[in-house]
């Protein structure tokens, strides 16, 4: 598919962060799904650069949850929600059993549109065992089955090459019975460790995902409830090699839908 993406809205974005001063605290929570773990494990490691925010995995960084090891992550997300301590209620129940709230997080909807457009400019990691990803996930703050996900991209470091990159992209149903998981591998004709921009436009029963101005996926379904945006760097293999392992988030812009 090589159709050009629709032009961005002419109006000012509802969110726009180039991370010149670090993550905007009015937009981002610098923890990964903190309700399922403890703050020392969910906290993001990062530093600012002239061209954006460098997400890091550090040598001393603990696994996000011992039960999911090896898995270390530095993440930004546009809100949080959970039920009370010990409950199984919270945003993005990533596994069907064994999840309980360890750190209750009062609901904060910093940016949680029902539909809209997001542009994410990134440079992926080439560090062994890492993955850079961006997702829109159901907040679940009103109903537990409002849990679908738009996977804008997942880029494994091992899939990044000087002549091209393989990424995953699509929709994941999770526990939303109204959605059907539809993921695909996408071959990109460039080195994704260099700056490039992903776009997703969703609403009215359709999700359109693009990269560098070109449509790469058009999916005839879309979540129809509030979604948080998550941008994250994972290390999904046992610790090895040199640290820090890094990726860069250069800029994020978003427009709420009509």
Protein backbone atom coordinates (compact mmCIF):
# COMPACT_ATOMS: atom_id res chain seq x y z
CA UNK A 1 0.00 0.00 0.00
CA UNK A 2 1.53 3.29 -1.07
CA UNK A 3 -1.27 5.84 -0.81
CA UNK A 4 -0.28 9.21 0.62
CA UNK A 5 -1.57 9.95 4.11
CA UNK A 6 -4.16 12.72 4.42
CA UNK A 7 -2.63 16.04 5.38
CA UNK A 8 -2.55 16.96 9.04
CA UNK A 9 -5.32 19.27 10.27
CA UNK A 10 -4.66 22.96 9.72
CA UNK A 11 -5.70 23.77 13.27
CA UNK A 12 -3.23 23.77 16.14
CA UNK A 13 -2.52 20.31 17.63
CA UNK A 14 -4.23 19.46 20.92
CA UNK A 15 -0.89 18.06 22.11
CA UNK A 16 2.58 18.96 20.86
CA UNK A 17 5.77 18.04 22.72
CA UNK A 18 9.33 18.23 21.38
CA UNK A 19 10.73 17.33 24.83
CA UNK A 20 13.07 20.32 24.90
CA UNK A 21 12.51 20.55 28.66
CA UNK A 22 11.81 16.86 29.24
CA UNK A 23 8.35 15.28 29.18
CA UNK A 24 5.54 17.79 29.77
CA UNK A 25 4.11 16.84 33.20
CA UNK A 26 0.68 18.03 32.09
CA UNK A 27 0.72 15.43 29.33
CA UNK A 28 2.93 12.50 30.34
CA UNK A 29 3.26 10.04 33.20
CA UNK A 30 6.84 8.74 33.12
CA UNK A 31 5.97 5.27 34.39
CA UNK A 32 4.92 2.09 32.59
CA UNK A 33 1.50 0.85 33.76
CA UNK A 34 2.51 1.66 37.34
CA UNK A 35 -0.54 0.07 38.96
CA UNK A 36 0.61 -3.48 38.13
CA UNK A 37 3.98 -3.04 39.86
CA UNK A 38 5.89 -0.70 42.18
CA UNK A 39 7.29 2.78 41.42
CA UNK A 40 10.93 1.72 41.49
CA UNK A 41 10.17 -0.81 38.74
CA UNK A 42 7.81 1.28 36.59
CA UNK A 43 9.81 4.55 36.52
CA UNK A 44 11.25 5.62 33.17
CA UNK A 45 14.92 6.36 32.70
CA UNK A 46 15.56 9.22 30.26
CA UNK A 47 17.53 12.35 29.49
CA UNK A 48 16.94 15.30 27.19
CA UNK A 49 18.93 16.05 24.05
CA UNK A 50 18.85 18.80 21.51
CA UNK A 51 16.74 16.65 19.20
CA UNK A 52 14.32 15.09 21.67
CA UNK A 53 14.07 12.73 24.62
CA UNK A 54 16.44 9.78 24.93
CA UNK A 55 14.72 6.81 26.57
CA UNK A 56 17.22 4.57 28.35
CA UNK A 57 17.53 1.08 29.73
CA UNK A 58 20.27 1.27 32.37
CA UNK A 59 22.41 -1.56 33.71
CA UNK A 60 20.94 -1.21 37.22
CA UNK A 61 17.32 -0.93 36.09
CA UNK A 62 15.05 -3.58 37.63
CA UNK A 63 12.58 -5.74 35.73
CA UNK A 64 9.15 -4.13 35.41
CA UNK A 65 7.55 -7.06 37.24
CA UNK A 66 9.48 -10.07 38.54
CA UNK A 67 6.80 -12.32 37.03
CA UNK A 68 7.44 -10.94 33.55
CA UNK A 69 11.25 -11.00 33.65
CA UNK A 70 13.30 -10.46 31.65
CA UNK A 71 11.47 -7.23 30.85
CA UNK A 72 12.82 -3.76 31.56
CA UNK A 73 11.09 -0.68 30.21
CA UNK A 74 11.21 3.11 30.08
CA UNK A 75 7.83 4.49 29.05
CA UNK A 76 5.77 7.65 28.73
CA UNK A 77 1.97 7.48 28.81
CA UNK A 78 -0.76 10.10 28.67
CA UNK A 79 -2.64 9.04 31.80
CA UNK A 80 -3.22 6.32 34.37
CA UNK A 81 -6.11 4.38 35.86
CA UNK A 82 -6.50 1.53 38.32
CA UNK A 83 -8.86 0.05 40.84
CA UNK A 84 -8.00 -0.44 44.52
CA UNK A 85 -5.04 -2.35 45.91
CA UNK A 86 -5.33 -6.06 45.26
CA UNK A 87 -7.97 -5.73 42.57
CA UNK A 88 -7.62 -6.85 38.97
CA UNK A 89 -8.90 -3.55 37.59
CA UNK A 90 -6.64 -1.24 35.62
CA UNK A 91 -5.52 -0.04 32.21
CA UNK A 92 -4.02 -2.63 29.83
CA UNK A 93 -4.41 -6.03 31.46
CA UNK A 94 -1.64 -7.48 29.31
CA UNK A 95 -2.06 -11.06 30.54
CA UNK A 96 -5.26 -13.00 31.27
CA UNK A 97 -4.44 -14.00 34.84
CA UNK A 98 -2.22 -13.17 37.78
CA UNK A 99 -2.47 -9.38 37.54
CA UNK A 100 -3.35 -7.47 40.71
CA UNK A 101 -2.97 -3.80 41.54
CA UNK A 102 0.18 -3.24 43.61
CA UNK A 103 0.24 0.58 43.42
CA UNK A 104 -3.23 2.16 43.21
CA UNK A 105 -3.22 5.03 40.70
CA UNK A 106 -6.14 7.48 40.74
CA UNK A 107 -7.57 8.05 37.29
CA UNK A 108 -5.77 10.83 35.36
CA UNK A 109 -6.92 11.42 31.80
CA UNK A 110 -4.17 13.76 30.62
CA UNK A 111 -4.93 12.96 26.98
CA UNK A 112 -7.40 10.21 26.17
CA UNK A 113 -9.23 10.84 22.89
CA UNK A 114 -11.99 8.61 21.46
CA UNK A 115 -10.69 9.27 17.94
CA UNK A 116 -8.12 11.46 16.28
CA UNK A 117 -4.68 11.64 14.75
CA UNK A 118 -1.22 11.18 16.30
CA UNK A 119 2.21 11.76 14.74
CA UNK A 120 5.24 10.27 16.51
CA UNK A 121 8.77 11.04 15.34
CA UNK A 122 11.33 8.55 16.67
CA UNK A 123 14.71 6.93 16.16
CA UNK A 124 14.58 3.23 17.04
CA UNK A 125 17.16 1.35 19.08
CA UNK A 126 19.77 -0.93 17.55
CA UNK A 127 20.85 -2.23 20.95
CA UNK A 128 20.54 -6.00 21.30
CA UNK A 129 17.38 -7.26 22.98
CA UNK A 130 15.51 -3.94 22.71
CA UNK A 131 12.19 -2.93 21.17
CA UNK A 132 10.77 0.54 20.60
CA UNK A 133 6.96 0.72 20.48
CA UNK A 134 4.01 3.10 20.46
CA UNK A 135 0.48 2.06 21.33
CA UNK A 136 -2.92 3.59 21.93
CA UNK A 137 -4.63 1.48 24.61
CA UNK A 138 -8.10 1.55 26.10
CA UNK A 139 -8.14 3.38 29.42
CA UNK A 140 -10.67 0.91 30.92
CA UNK A 141 -11.69 3.58 33.44
CA UNK A 142 -15.38 3.22 32.54
CA UNK A 143 -15.66 -0.42 31.45
CA UNK A 144 -13.27 -3.35 31.58
CA UNK A 145 -13.86 -4.49 27.99
CA UNK A 146 -12.86 -1.08 26.58
CA UNK A 147 -9.42 -2.61 26.32
CA UNK A 148 -8.45 -2.68 22.65
CA UNK A 149 -5.12 -1.44 21.36
CA UNK A 150 -3.89 0.30 18.25
CA UNK A 151 -0.30 -0.84 17.83
CA UNK A 152 1.19 2.03 15.87
CA UNK A 153 4.53 0.24 15.67
CA UNK A 154 6.79 -2.26 17.38
CA UNK A 155 10.39 -2.27 16.14
CA UNK A 156 12.81 -4.93 17.37
CA UNK A 157 16.43 -3.82 17.35
CA UNK A 158 17.39 -7.00 15.51
CA UNK A 159 14.98 -6.04 12.68
CA UNK A 160 16.67 -2.69 12.02
CA UNK A 161 19.14 -2.70 9.14
CA UNK A 162 21.02 -0.12 7.15
CA UNK A 163 18.97 -0.91 4.03
CA UNK A 164 15.60 -1.59 5.63
CA UNK A 165 13.58 -2.39 8.74
CA UNK A 166 10.77 -4.77 9.66
CA UNK A 167 8.11 -3.44 12.05
CA UNK A 168 4.83 -4.80 13.42
CA UNK A 169 1.67 -2.73 13.22
CA UNK A 170 -2.09 -3.14 13.56
CA UNK A 171 -4.91 -3.66 16.07
CA UNK A 172 -5.01 -5.97 19.10
CA UNK A 173 -8.35 -6.93 20.62
CA UNK A 174 -7.14 -7.95 24.08
CA UNK A 175 -10.40 -8.34 26.06
CA UNK A 176 -12.60 -6.27 23.74
CA UNK A 177 -15.00 -8.75 22.06
CA UNK A 178 -15.92 -6.15 19.44
CA UNK A 179 -12.43 -6.11 17.95
CA UNK A 180 -10.44 -8.76 16.08
CA UNK A 181 -6.67 -8.85 16.41
CA UNK A 182 -5.13 -7.87 13.07
CA UNK A 183 -1.36 -7.49 13.19
CA UNK A 184 1.09 -7.54 10.29
CA UNK A 185 4.80 -7.24 9.64
CA UNK A 186 5.67 -4.17 7.58
CA UNK A 187 8.88 -3.81 5.59
CA UNK A 188 10.22 -0.26 5.63
CA UNK A 189 12.83 0.77 3.03
CA UNK A 190 15.08 2.63 5.45
CA UNK A 191 17.11 2.36 8.64
CA UNK A 192 14.59 3.02 11.45
CA UNK A 193 17.35 4.00 13.85
CA UNK A 194 17.31 7.30 11.95
CA UNK A 195 14.59 9.89 12.60
CA UNK A 196 11.28 9.01 10.98
CA UNK A 197 7.60 9.73 11.64
CA UNK A 198 4.68 7.36 12.25
CA UNK A 199 1.07 8.49 11.93
CA UNK A 200 -2.20 6.91 13.03
CA UNK A 201 -5.68 8.21 12.22
CA UNK A 202 -8.59 6.39 13.84
CA UNK A 203 -12.33 6.71 14.29
CA UNK A 204 -15.67 5.90 12.64
CA UNK A 205 -14.76 2.22 12.42
CA UNK A 206 -11.40 2.57 10.66
CA UNK A 207 -7.74 2.74 11.63
CA UNK A 208 -5.16 4.10 9.18
CA UNK A 209 -1.47 3.70 10.05
CA UNK A 210 1.26 5.41 8.05
CA UNK A 211 4.99 5.94 8.08
CA UNK A 212 6.90 8.79 6.47
CA UNK A 213 3.73 10.12 4.87
CA UNK A 214 2.67 6.84 3.25
CA UNK A 215 -0.24 4.58 4.29
CA UNK A 216 1.07 1.18 5.36
CA UNK A 217 -2.10 -0.29 6.91
CA UNK A 218 -5.81 0.44 6.52
CA UNK A 219 -7.86 -1.61 9.00
CA UNK A 220 -11.70 -1.65 8.96
CA UNK A 221 -12.09 -1.39 12.73
CA UNK A 222 -11.14 1.00 15.53
CA UNK A 223 -11.69 1.28 19.29
CA UNK A 224 -14.53 3.70 20.07
CA UNK A 225 -13.59 4.69 23.61
CA UNK A 226 -10.88 6.75 25.34
CA UNK A 227 -7.31 5.68 24.63
CA UNK A 228 -4.03 6.54 26.32
CA UNK A 229 -0.91 6.94 24.19
CA UNK A 230 2.15 4.97 25.30
CA UNK A 231 5.66 5.33 23.84
CA UNK A 232 8.18 2.92 25.26
CA UNK A 233 11.61 1.33 25.03
CA UNK A 234 11.82 -2.28 26.22
CA UNK A 235 14.64 -4.67 26.86
CA UNK A 236 13.02 -8.07 26.42
CA UNK A 237 16.08 -10.30 26.79
CA UNK A 238 18.38 -11.06 29.73
CA UNK A 239 20.85 -8.22 30.45
CA UNK A 240 23.80 -8.33 28.07
CA UNK A 241 26.11 -5.98 26.24
CA UNK A 242 26.83 -2.36 27.04
CA UNK A 243 24.54 0.18 28.70
CA UNK A 244 22.65 2.42 28.52
CA UNK A 245 20.54 1.02 25.70
CA UNK A 246 18.63 3.85 24.06
CA UNK A 247 16.07 5.15 21.59
CA UNK A 248 14.93 8.72 20.89
CA UNK A 249 11.47 10.26 20.86
CA UNK A 250 11.87 13.48 18.90
CA UNK A 251 8.35 14.86 18.86
CA UNK A 252 4.72 13.88 19.43
CA UNK A 253 1.74 15.77 18.02
CA UNK A 254 -1.92 14.83 18.34
CA UNK A 255 -5.35 16.08 17.37
CA UNK A 256 -8.59 15.00 19.02
CA UNK A 257 -11.21 13.70 16.60
CA UNK A 258 -14.52 15.38 15.88
